[in-house]
Amino acid sequence: MDEIEERRHVVLRNLAAHAGPARGRLCLSLDNAACLARLAPEVITAIENGSSCVTSLAVLTRLALFLGLTELGVPRPRPAGME
């Protein structure tokens, strides 16, 4: 497996765990998030459910950043003093 494909799988796995809660923290419905992220609701649902999908690494990274996550799809650390 090449490096890009491996990274794609890591981001997809992380988004399966963190995309739904991140969308909830932003108070975005599935339809609103899909519209704003310019993705089909089915794509976001597949990512949140951890279903295998053919979404590119660039799209996965863009969704992660849109949801306030890191490029790897994990929550950002809290700033010092906010813990």
Protein backbone atom coordinates (compact mmCIF):
# COMPACT_ATOMS: atom_id res chain seq x y z
CA MET A 1 0.00 0.00 0.00
CA ASP A 2 1.49 3.33 -0.92
CA GLU A 3 1.94 6.20 1.51
CA ILE A 4 -1.00 8.29 0.25
CA GLU A 5 -3.41 5.36 0.40
CA GLU A 6 -2.21 4.50 3.90
CA ARG A 7 -2.74 8.10 5.05
CA ARG A 8 -6.20 8.09 3.45
CA HIS A 9 -7.14 5.04 5.51
CA VAL A 10 -5.85 6.69 8.71
CA VAL A 11 -7.85 9.86 8.05
CA LEU A 12 -10.95 7.84 7.13
CA ARG A 13 -10.68 5.80 10.34
CA ASN A 14 -10.21 8.95 12.44
CA LEU A 15 -13.15 10.68 10.78
CA ALA A 16 -15.34 7.66 11.48
CA ALA A 17 -14.66 8.27 15.16
CA HIS A 18 -14.63 12.06 15.28
CA ALA A 19 -16.63 13.58 12.39
CA GLY A 20 -20.08 12.98 13.88
CA PRO A 21 -19.27 14.47 17.28
CA ALA A 22 -17.49 17.42 15.62
CA ARG A 23 -20.53 18.08 13.44
CA GLY A 24 -22.69 17.92 16.58
CA ARG A 25 -20.48 20.46 18.39
CA LEU A 26 -20.96 22.80 15.44
CA CYS A 27 -24.74 22.23 15.63
CA LEU A 28 -24.87 21.27 11.97
CA SER A 29 -27.45 18.90 10.63
CA LEU A 30 -26.29 16.37 8.08
CA ASP A 31 -27.92 18.33 5.26
CA ASN A 32 -26.45 21.66 6.37
CA ALA A 33 -22.97 20.20 6.80
CA ALA A 34 -23.19 18.55 3.38
CA CYS A 35 -24.31 21.78 1.75
CA LEU A 36 -21.59 23.86 3.39
CA ALA A 37 -18.87 21.27 2.74
CA ARG A 38 -20.13 20.80 -0.82
CA LEU A 39 -20.50 17.06 -0.41
CA ALA A 40 -23.45 14.75 -0.82
CA PRO A 41 -25.09 13.83 2.51
CA GLU A 42 -24.51 10.18 1.60
CA VAL A 43 -20.75 10.78 1.48
CA ILE A 44 -20.70 12.32 4.96
CA THR A 45 -22.91 9.52 6.28
CA ALA A 46 -20.58 6.89 4.83
CA ILE A 47 -17.54 8.62 6.35
CA GLU A 48 -19.19 8.97 9.77
CA ASN A 49 -20.26 5.32 9.71
CA GLY A 50 -16.81 4.14 8.71
CA SER A 51 -18.16 2.57 5.54
CA SER A 52 -15.65 2.00 2.82
CA CYS A 53 -15.88 4.79 0.31
CA VAL A 54 -13.81 5.97 -2.62
CA THR A 55 -13.44 9.53 -1.35
CA SER A 56 -10.02 11.00 -2.05
CA LEU A 57 -7.54 12.05 0.62
CA ALA A 58 -7.99 15.69 -0.42
CA VAL A 59 -11.76 15.55 0.18
CA LEU A 60 -11.32 13.76 3.50
CA THR A 61 -8.78 16.35 4.64
CA ARG A 62 -11.04 19.20 3.54
CA LEU A 63 -13.94 17.72 5.51
CA ALA A 64 -11.76 17.28 8.59
CA LEU A 65 -10.62 20.89 8.49
CA PHE A 66 -14.18 22.10 7.83
CA LEU A 67 -15.29 20.30 11.00
CA GLY A 68 -12.50 21.91 13.04
CA LEU A 69 -10.41 18.76 13.23
CA THR A 70 -6.75 18.36 12.31
CA GLU A 71 -5.66 17.22 8.87
CA LEU A 72 -5.55 13.68 10.23
CA GLY A 73 -9.19 13.90 11.37
CA VAL A 74 -8.60 14.05 15.12
CA PRO A 75 -9.73 16.79 17.53
CA ARG A 76 -7.36 19.66 18.02
CA PRO A 77 -5.69 19.87 21.43
CA ARG A 78 -7.16 22.42 23.79
CA PRO A 79 -5.09 25.58 24.26
CA ALA A 80 -3.02 25.79 27.43
CA GLY A 81 -5.11 26.85 30.38
CA MET A 82 -8.38 25.62 28.85
CA GLU A 83 -8.02 22.02 29.98
